[in-house]
């Protein structure tokens, strides 16, 4: 099994997540935490954090948790509920595996603001391929 640092280095190759500013804090099989600092270019015309930024952070944590087992996990379905607007500071996404079989995995992700208030709830399902990831 790869170390946490090796897994973090692998997932840091996600160029889109990096462009948004998402960074992995910790990752292990079935679990990941990612964080981003809200920037001025994350705001929509209303002055709130664009939903796509929040979704990207949740998706990044989901992807890391699902793929950290070492097998390629491809998203089949995701659902996100935005429950509070993101405003300023940091956002943190915590992804937890809720079920995993040989071919299907399910994950819940909670995105919180720096005060610990829930901003979004995300659920994702993956198809687990036989392909090993590097």
N, C-alpha and C. Protein backbone atom coordinates (compact mmCIF):
# COMPACT_ATOMS: atom_id res chain seq x y z
N UNK A 1 0.84 -1.19 0.00
CA UNK A 1 0.00 0.00 0.00
C UNK A 1 0.89 1.25 0.00
N UNK A 2 0.45 2.24 -0.74
CA UNK A 2 1.20 3.49 -0.82
C UNK A 2 0.98 4.33 0.43
N UNK A 3 1.98 5.16 0.72
CA UNK A 3 1.87 6.05 1.88
C UNK A 3 0.91 7.19 1.57
N UNK A 4 0.50 7.88 2.62
CA UNK A 4 -0.37 9.04 2.45
C UNK A 4 0.29 10.08 1.56
N UNK A 5 1.58 10.31 1.75
CA UNK A 5 2.29 11.30 0.95
C UNK A 5 2.34 10.90 -0.52
N UNK A 6 2.53 9.61 -0.80
CA UNK A 6 2.54 9.14 -2.18
C UNK A 6 1.17 9.32 -2.82
N UNK A 7 0.12 9.02 -2.06
CA UNK A 7 -1.24 9.19 -2.59
C UNK A 7 -1.54 10.67 -2.83
N UNK A 8 -1.14 11.53 -1.91
CA UNK A 8 -1.36 12.96 -2.10
C UNK A 8 -0.64 13.45 -3.34
N UNK A 9 0.60 13.01 -3.54
CA UNK A 9 1.37 13.42 -4.72
C UNK A 9 0.67 12.97 -6.00
N UNK A 10 0.10 11.77 -6.00
CA UNK A 10 -0.61 11.27 -7.18
C UNK A 10 -1.82 12.15 -7.49
N UNK A 11 -2.64 12.45 -6.50
CA UNK A 11 -3.86 13.21 -6.74
C UNK A 11 -3.58 14.69 -7.00
N UNK A 12 -2.42 15.19 -6.61
CA UNK A 12 -2.07 16.58 -6.92
C UNK A 12 -1.84 16.79 -8.41
N UNK A 13 -1.81 15.72 -9.19
CA UNK A 13 -1.69 15.82 -10.65
C UNK A 13 -3.01 16.25 -11.29
N UNK A 14 -4.07 16.34 -10.51
CA UNK A 14 -5.37 16.78 -11.01
C UNK A 14 -5.27 18.28 -11.30
N UNK A 15 -5.08 18.62 -12.56
CA UNK A 15 -4.82 20.01 -12.94
C UNK A 15 -6.03 20.91 -12.73
N UNK A 16 -7.24 20.39 -12.92
CA UNK A 16 -8.42 21.24 -12.73
C UNK A 16 -8.59 21.59 -11.26
N UNK A 17 -8.47 20.60 -10.39
CA UNK A 17 -8.58 20.87 -8.95
C UNK A 17 -7.51 21.88 -8.53
N UNK A 18 -6.30 21.73 -9.06
CA UNK A 18 -5.22 22.66 -8.73
C UNK A 18 -5.55 24.07 -9.21
N UNK A 19 -6.13 24.19 -10.40
CA UNK A 19 -6.48 25.50 -10.94
C UNK A 19 -7.51 26.21 -10.08
N UNK A 20 -8.41 25.45 -9.48
CA UNK A 20 -9.43 26.02 -8.59
C UNK A 20 -8.84 26.34 -7.21
N UNK A 21 -7.73 25.68 -6.88
CA UNK A 21 -7.08 25.90 -5.59
C UNK A 21 -7.32 24.79 -4.58
N UNK A 22 -7.92 23.68 -5.00
CA UNK A 22 -8.19 22.56 -4.08
C UNK A 22 -6.90 21.81 -3.78
N UNK A 23 -6.70 21.49 -2.52
CA UNK A 23 -5.52 20.74 -2.08
C UNK A 23 -5.96 19.63 -1.14
N UNK A 24 -5.33 18.47 -1.29
CA UNK A 24 -5.62 17.36 -0.37
C UNK A 24 -4.93 17.60 0.96
N UNK A 25 -5.66 17.38 2.03
CA UNK A 25 -5.10 17.47 3.37
C UNK A 25 -4.66 16.08 3.81
N UNK A 26 -5.54 15.11 3.61
CA UNK A 26 -5.23 13.73 3.94
C UNK A 26 -6.02 12.82 3.02
N UNK A 27 -5.46 11.64 2.78
CA UNK A 27 -6.15 10.66 1.94
C UNK A 27 -5.72 9.27 2.37
N UNK A 28 -6.69 8.38 2.43
CA UNK A 28 -6.45 6.96 2.71
C UNK A 28 -7.59 6.21 2.01
N UNK A 29 -7.47 4.90 1.83
CA UNK A 29 -8.54 4.18 1.15
C UNK A 29 -9.91 4.43 1.80
N UNK A 30 -10.82 5.00 1.03
CA UNK A 30 -12.16 5.26 1.52
C UNK A 30 -12.35 6.55 2.28
N UNK A 31 -11.31 7.38 2.37
CA UNK A 31 -11.41 8.62 3.14
C UNK A 31 -10.49 9.67 2.54
N UNK A 32 -10.98 10.90 2.48
CA UNK A 32 -10.13 12.01 2.04
C UNK A 32 -10.67 13.32 2.57
N UNK A 33 -9.76 14.24 2.81
CA UNK A 33 -10.10 15.62 3.15
C UNK A 33 -9.39 16.53 2.18
N UNK A 34 -10.13 17.50 1.64
CA UNK A 34 -9.56 18.48 0.73
C UNK A 34 -10.00 19.87 1.18
N UNK A 35 -9.19 20.86 0.87
CA UNK A 35 -9.49 22.23 1.31
C UNK A 35 -9.14 23.21 0.20
N UNK A 36 -9.85 24.32 0.21
CA UNK A 36 -9.46 25.44 -0.65
C UNK A 36 -9.76 26.74 0.04
N UNK A 37 -8.92 27.72 -0.25
CA UNK A 37 -9.14 29.08 0.22
C UNK A 37 -9.95 29.79 -0.86
N UNK A 38 -11.04 30.41 -0.46
CA UNK A 38 -11.89 31.11 -1.40
C UNK A 38 -11.15 32.34 -1.92
N UNK A 39 -11.15 32.46 -3.25
CA UNK A 39 -10.50 33.59 -3.93
C UNK A 39 -11.56 34.47 -4.58
N UNK A 40 -11.15 35.65 -4.98
CA UNK A 40 -12.08 36.58 -5.64
C UNK A 40 -12.68 35.98 -6.91
N UNK A 41 -11.90 35.18 -7.64
CA UNK A 41 -12.42 34.61 -8.89
C UNK A 41 -13.36 33.42 -8.66
N UNK A 42 -13.64 33.08 -7.41
CA UNK A 42 -14.60 32.02 -7.10
C UNK A 42 -16.03 32.55 -6.96
N UNK A 43 -16.20 33.87 -6.94
CA UNK A 43 -17.52 34.45 -6.70
C UNK A 43 -18.33 34.59 -7.98
N UNK A 44 -19.64 34.35 -7.85
CA UNK A 44 -20.54 34.57 -8.98
C UNK A 44 -21.02 36.03 -8.95
N UNK A 45 -21.92 36.37 -9.86
CA UNK A 45 -22.40 37.75 -9.97
C UNK A 45 -23.17 38.21 -8.74
N UNK A 46 -23.73 37.28 -8.00
CA UNK A 46 -24.50 37.61 -6.79
C UNK A 46 -23.58 37.90 -5.61
N UNK A 47 -22.31 37.51 -5.71
CA UNK A 47 -21.37 37.73 -4.62
C UNK A 47 -21.18 36.53 -3.72
N UNK A 48 -21.66 35.37 -4.16
CA UNK A 48 -21.50 34.12 -3.41
C UNK A 48 -20.55 33.21 -4.16
N UNK A 49 -19.98 32.24 -3.45
CA UNK A 49 -19.09 31.29 -4.11
C UNK A 49 -19.87 30.49 -5.14
N UNK A 50 -19.35 30.46 -6.35
CA UNK A 50 -19.97 29.72 -7.46
C UNK A 50 -20.15 28.26 -7.06
N UNK A 51 -21.31 27.70 -7.33
CA UNK A 51 -21.59 26.30 -7.00
C UNK A 51 -20.60 25.33 -7.61
N UNK A 52 -20.08 25.66 -8.78
CA UNK A 52 -19.10 24.79 -9.44
C UNK A 52 -17.81 24.66 -8.66
N UNK A 53 -17.44 25.70 -7.92
CA UNK A 53 -16.23 25.64 -7.08
C UNK A 53 -16.47 24.66 -5.93
N UNK A 54 -17.62 24.77 -5.30
CA UNK A 54 -17.97 23.87 -4.20
C UNK A 54 -18.07 22.43 -4.70
N UNK A 55 -18.71 22.26 -5.85
CA UNK A 55 -18.83 20.93 -6.45
C UNK A 55 -17.44 20.35 -6.75
N UNK A 56 -16.56 21.16 -7.32
CA UNK A 56 -15.21 20.68 -7.66
C UNK A 56 -14.46 20.22 -6.42
N UNK A 57 -14.56 20.96 -5.33
CA UNK A 57 -13.89 20.56 -4.09
C UNK A 57 -14.44 19.23 -3.59
N UNK A 58 -15.76 19.08 -3.58
CA UNK A 58 -16.38 17.83 -3.14
C UNK A 58 -15.99 16.68 -4.05
N UNK A 59 -16.01 16.91 -5.35
CA UNK A 59 -15.66 15.88 -6.32
C UNK A 59 -14.20 15.45 -6.18
N UNK A 60 -13.32 16.38 -5.88
CA UNK A 60 -11.90 16.08 -5.70
C UNK A 60 -11.70 15.15 -4.49
N UNK A 61 -12.36 15.46 -3.37
CA UNK A 61 -12.26 14.60 -2.18
C UNK A 61 -12.86 13.22 -2.47
N UNK A 62 -14.01 13.19 -3.13
CA UNK A 62 -14.69 11.95 -3.52
C UNK A 62 -13.77 11.09 -4.38
N UNK A 63 -13.17 11.69 -5.39
CA UNK A 63 -12.27 10.97 -6.30
C UNK A 63 -11.08 10.39 -5.55
N UNK A 64 -10.49 11.18 -4.66
CA UNK A 64 -9.33 10.70 -3.91
C UNK A 64 -9.70 9.53 -3.01
N UNK A 65 -10.81 9.65 -2.28
CA UNK A 65 -11.23 8.57 -1.38
C UNK A 65 -11.52 7.29 -2.15
N UNK A 66 -12.18 7.42 -3.30
CA UNK A 66 -12.56 6.24 -4.09
C UNK A 66 -11.37 5.57 -4.76
N UNK A 67 -10.42 6.36 -5.25
CA UNK A 67 -9.28 5.82 -5.98
C UNK A 67 -8.10 5.43 -5.08
N UNK A 68 -8.13 5.83 -3.83
CA UNK A 68 -7.01 5.54 -2.93
C UNK A 68 -6.86 4.06 -2.62
N UNK A 69 -7.86 3.26 -2.97
CA UNK A 69 -7.73 1.81 -2.81
C UNK A 69 -6.73 1.22 -3.80
N UNK A 70 -6.41 1.99 -4.85
CA UNK A 70 -5.44 1.53 -5.84
C UNK A 70 -6.04 1.03 -7.14
N UNK A 71 -7.36 0.97 -7.22
CA UNK A 71 -8.07 0.59 -8.44
C UNK A 71 -8.76 1.83 -9.00
N UNK A 72 -8.75 1.95 -10.33
CA UNK A 72 -9.41 3.10 -10.96
C UNK A 72 -10.90 3.07 -10.67
N UNK A 73 -11.41 4.15 -10.12
CA UNK A 73 -12.83 4.28 -9.78
C UNK A 73 -13.40 5.44 -10.60
N UNK A 74 -14.39 5.13 -11.42
CA UNK A 74 -14.97 6.10 -12.34
C UNK A 74 -16.37 6.48 -11.86
N UNK A 75 -16.63 7.77 -11.75
CA UNK A 75 -17.94 8.23 -11.28
C UNK A 75 -19.06 7.75 -12.19
N UNK A 76 -20.08 7.18 -11.58
CA UNK A 76 -21.31 6.80 -12.29
C UNK A 76 -22.40 7.83 -12.09
N UNK A 77 -22.47 8.36 -10.88
CA UNK A 77 -23.54 9.29 -10.54
C UNK A 77 -23.10 10.12 -9.35
N UNK A 78 -23.48 11.39 -9.36
CA UNK A 78 -23.26 12.25 -8.20
C UNK A 78 -24.49 13.12 -8.00
N UNK A 79 -24.68 13.52 -6.76
CA UNK A 79 -25.76 14.42 -6.41
C UNK A 79 -25.21 15.40 -5.38
N UNK A 80 -25.53 16.66 -5.55
CA UNK A 80 -25.09 17.64 -4.57
C UNK A 80 -26.27 18.50 -4.16
N UNK A 81 -26.34 18.76 -2.86
CA UNK A 81 -27.33 19.68 -2.31
C UNK A 81 -26.58 20.83 -1.66
N UNK A 82 -26.83 22.04 -2.14
CA UNK A 82 -26.21 23.22 -1.56
C UNK A 82 -27.11 23.70 -0.43
N UNK A 83 -26.60 23.71 0.79
CA UNK A 83 -27.46 24.03 1.94
C UNK A 83 -27.17 25.39 2.56
N UNK A 84 -26.02 25.97 2.23
CA UNK A 84 -25.65 27.28 2.76
C UNK A 84 -24.65 27.88 1.77
N UNK A 85 -24.69 29.18 1.55
CA UNK A 85 -23.74 29.76 0.60
C UNK A 85 -22.32 29.81 1.17
N UNK A 86 -21.37 29.65 0.28
CA UNK A 86 -19.98 29.90 0.66
C UNK A 86 -19.74 31.39 0.53
N UNK A 87 -19.03 31.97 1.50
CA UNK A 87 -18.85 33.42 1.47
C UNK A 87 -17.37 33.80 1.45
N UNK A 88 -16.65 33.55 2.49
CA UNK A 88 -15.23 33.92 2.58
C UNK A 88 -14.48 32.85 3.38
N UNK A 89 -13.16 32.88 3.29
CA UNK A 89 -12.32 31.98 4.08
C UNK A 89 -12.05 30.67 3.38
N UNK A 90 -12.01 29.60 4.15
CA UNK A 90 -11.67 28.27 3.63
C UNK A 90 -12.91 27.39 3.58
N UNK A 91 -12.91 26.48 2.61
CA UNK A 91 -13.90 25.41 2.55
C UNK A 91 -13.16 24.09 2.67
N UNK A 92 -13.75 23.15 3.40
CA UNK A 92 -13.17 21.83 3.57
C UNK A 92 -14.19 20.78 3.18
N UNK A 93 -13.73 19.80 2.39
CA UNK A 93 -14.58 18.68 1.99
C UNK A 93 -14.04 17.42 2.64
N UNK A 94 -14.91 16.67 3.29
CA UNK A 94 -14.55 15.39 3.91
C UNK A 94 -15.37 14.30 3.23
N UNK A 95 -14.66 13.37 2.58
CA UNK A 95 -15.30 12.26 1.86
C UNK A 95 -15.14 10.98 2.66
N UNK A 96 -16.24 10.25 2.81
CA UNK A 96 -16.23 8.97 3.53
C UNK A 96 -16.91 7.90 2.69
N UNK A 97 -16.27 6.77 2.61
CA UNK A 97 -16.86 5.62 1.92
C UNK A 97 -17.97 5.05 2.79
N UNK A 98 -19.15 4.84 2.20
CA UNK A 98 -20.26 4.27 2.95
C UNK A 98 -20.52 2.82 2.58
N UNK A 99 -20.10 2.41 1.39
CA UNK A 99 -20.25 1.01 0.95
C UNK A 99 -19.31 0.78 -0.22
N UNK A 100 -18.77 -0.43 -0.30
CA UNK A 100 -17.89 -0.77 -1.42
C UNK A 100 -17.95 -2.27 -1.66
N UNK A 101 -18.17 -2.62 -2.92
CA UNK A 101 -18.12 -4.02 -3.33
C UNK A 101 -16.98 -4.15 -4.34
N UNK A 102 -16.94 -5.25 -5.03
CA UNK A 102 -15.89 -5.45 -6.02
C UNK A 102 -15.99 -4.46 -7.17
N UNK A 103 -17.21 -4.02 -7.50
CA UNK A 103 -17.39 -3.17 -8.67
C UNK A 103 -18.07 -1.82 -8.41
N UNK A 104 -18.65 -1.61 -7.25
CA UNK A 104 -19.38 -0.38 -6.97
C UNK A 104 -18.96 0.18 -5.61
N UNK A 105 -18.80 1.50 -5.54
CA UNK A 105 -18.50 2.17 -4.28
C UNK A 105 -19.41 3.37 -4.10
N UNK A 106 -19.79 3.64 -2.86
CA UNK A 106 -20.63 4.79 -2.53
C UNK A 106 -19.93 5.66 -1.50
N UNK A 107 -20.06 6.97 -1.68
CA UNK A 107 -19.33 7.93 -0.85
C UNK A 107 -20.23 9.11 -0.51
N UNK A 108 -20.10 9.58 0.72
CA UNK A 108 -20.75 10.81 1.14
C UNK A 108 -19.67 11.84 1.42
N UNK A 109 -19.92 13.06 0.97
CA UNK A 109 -18.97 14.16 1.16
C UNK A 109 -19.72 15.32 1.79
N UNK A 110 -19.14 15.87 2.85
CA UNK A 110 -19.68 17.07 3.47
C UNK A 110 -18.69 18.20 3.24
N UNK A 111 -19.18 19.31 2.71
CA UNK A 111 -18.36 20.51 2.53
C UNK A 111 -18.77 21.50 3.60
N UNK A 112 -17.77 21.98 4.36
CA UNK A 112 -18.03 22.89 5.47
C UNK A 112 -17.21 24.17 5.30
N UNK A 113 -17.72 25.25 5.90
CA UNK A 113 -16.94 26.49 5.91
C UNK A 113 -15.98 26.48 7.08
N UNK A 114 -15.23 27.55 7.25
CA UNK A 114 -14.20 27.57 8.30
C UNK A 114 -14.78 27.61 9.70
N UNK A 115 -16.07 27.87 9.83
CA UNK A 115 -16.73 27.83 11.14
C UNK A 115 -17.32 26.45 11.42
N UNK A 116 -17.16 25.52 10.47
CA UNK A 116 -17.69 24.17 10.64
C UNK A 116 -19.13 24.01 10.20
N UNK A 117 -19.70 25.05 9.61
CA UNK A 117 -21.09 24.98 9.14
C UNK A 117 -21.13 24.30 7.78
N UNK A 118 -22.10 23.41 7.61
CA UNK A 118 -22.24 22.67 6.36
C UNK A 118 -22.68 23.60 5.24
N UNK A 119 -21.94 23.55 4.13
CA UNK A 119 -22.23 24.33 2.94
C UNK A 119 -22.90 23.46 1.88
N UNK A 120 -22.45 22.20 1.76
CA UNK A 120 -23.02 21.30 0.75
C UNK A 120 -22.90 19.86 1.20
N UNK A 121 -23.85 19.05 0.74
CA UNK A 121 -23.85 17.60 0.95
C UNK A 121 -23.79 16.96 -0.43
N UNK A 122 -22.89 16.02 -0.61
CA UNK A 122 -22.61 15.41 -1.91
C UNK A 122 -22.62 13.91 -1.72
N UNK A 123 -23.24 13.21 -2.65
CA UNK A 123 -23.19 11.75 -2.65
C UNK A 123 -22.73 11.30 -4.02
N UNK A 124 -21.80 10.36 -4.04
CA UNK A 124 -21.30 9.85 -5.31
C UNK A 124 -21.20 8.34 -5.33
N UNK A 125 -21.41 7.79 -6.52
CA UNK A 125 -21.28 6.35 -6.76
C UNK A 125 -20.23 6.15 -7.85
N UNK A 126 -19.34 5.18 -7.64
CA UNK A 126 -18.30 4.89 -8.63
C UNK A 126 -18.41 3.46 -9.12
N UNK A 127 -17.93 3.26 -10.34
CA UNK A 127 -17.69 1.93 -10.89
C UNK A 127 -16.21 1.65 -10.70
N UNK A 128 -15.89 0.52 -10.11
CA UNK A 128 -14.49 0.17 -9.83
C UNK A 128 -13.97 -0.73 -10.94
N UNK A 129 -12.98 -0.23 -11.64
CA UNK A 129 -12.38 -0.97 -12.75
C UNK A 129 -11.30 -1.91 -12.23
N UNK A 130 -10.91 -2.85 -13.05
CA UNK A 130 -9.83 -3.77 -12.69
C UNK A 130 -8.46 -3.13 -12.87
N UNK A 131 -8.44 -1.95 -13.45
CA UNK A 131 -7.21 -1.23 -13.75
C UNK A 131 -6.57 -0.66 -12.49
N UNK A 132 -5.31 -1.00 -12.25
CA UNK A 132 -4.58 -0.41 -11.14
C UNK A 132 -4.16 1.01 -11.50
N UNK A 133 -4.22 1.92 -10.52
CA UNK A 133 -3.71 3.26 -10.76
C UNK A 133 -2.27 3.31 -10.27
N UNK A 134 -1.46 4.16 -10.90
CA UNK A 134 -0.03 4.20 -10.52
C UNK A 134 0.19 4.67 -9.10
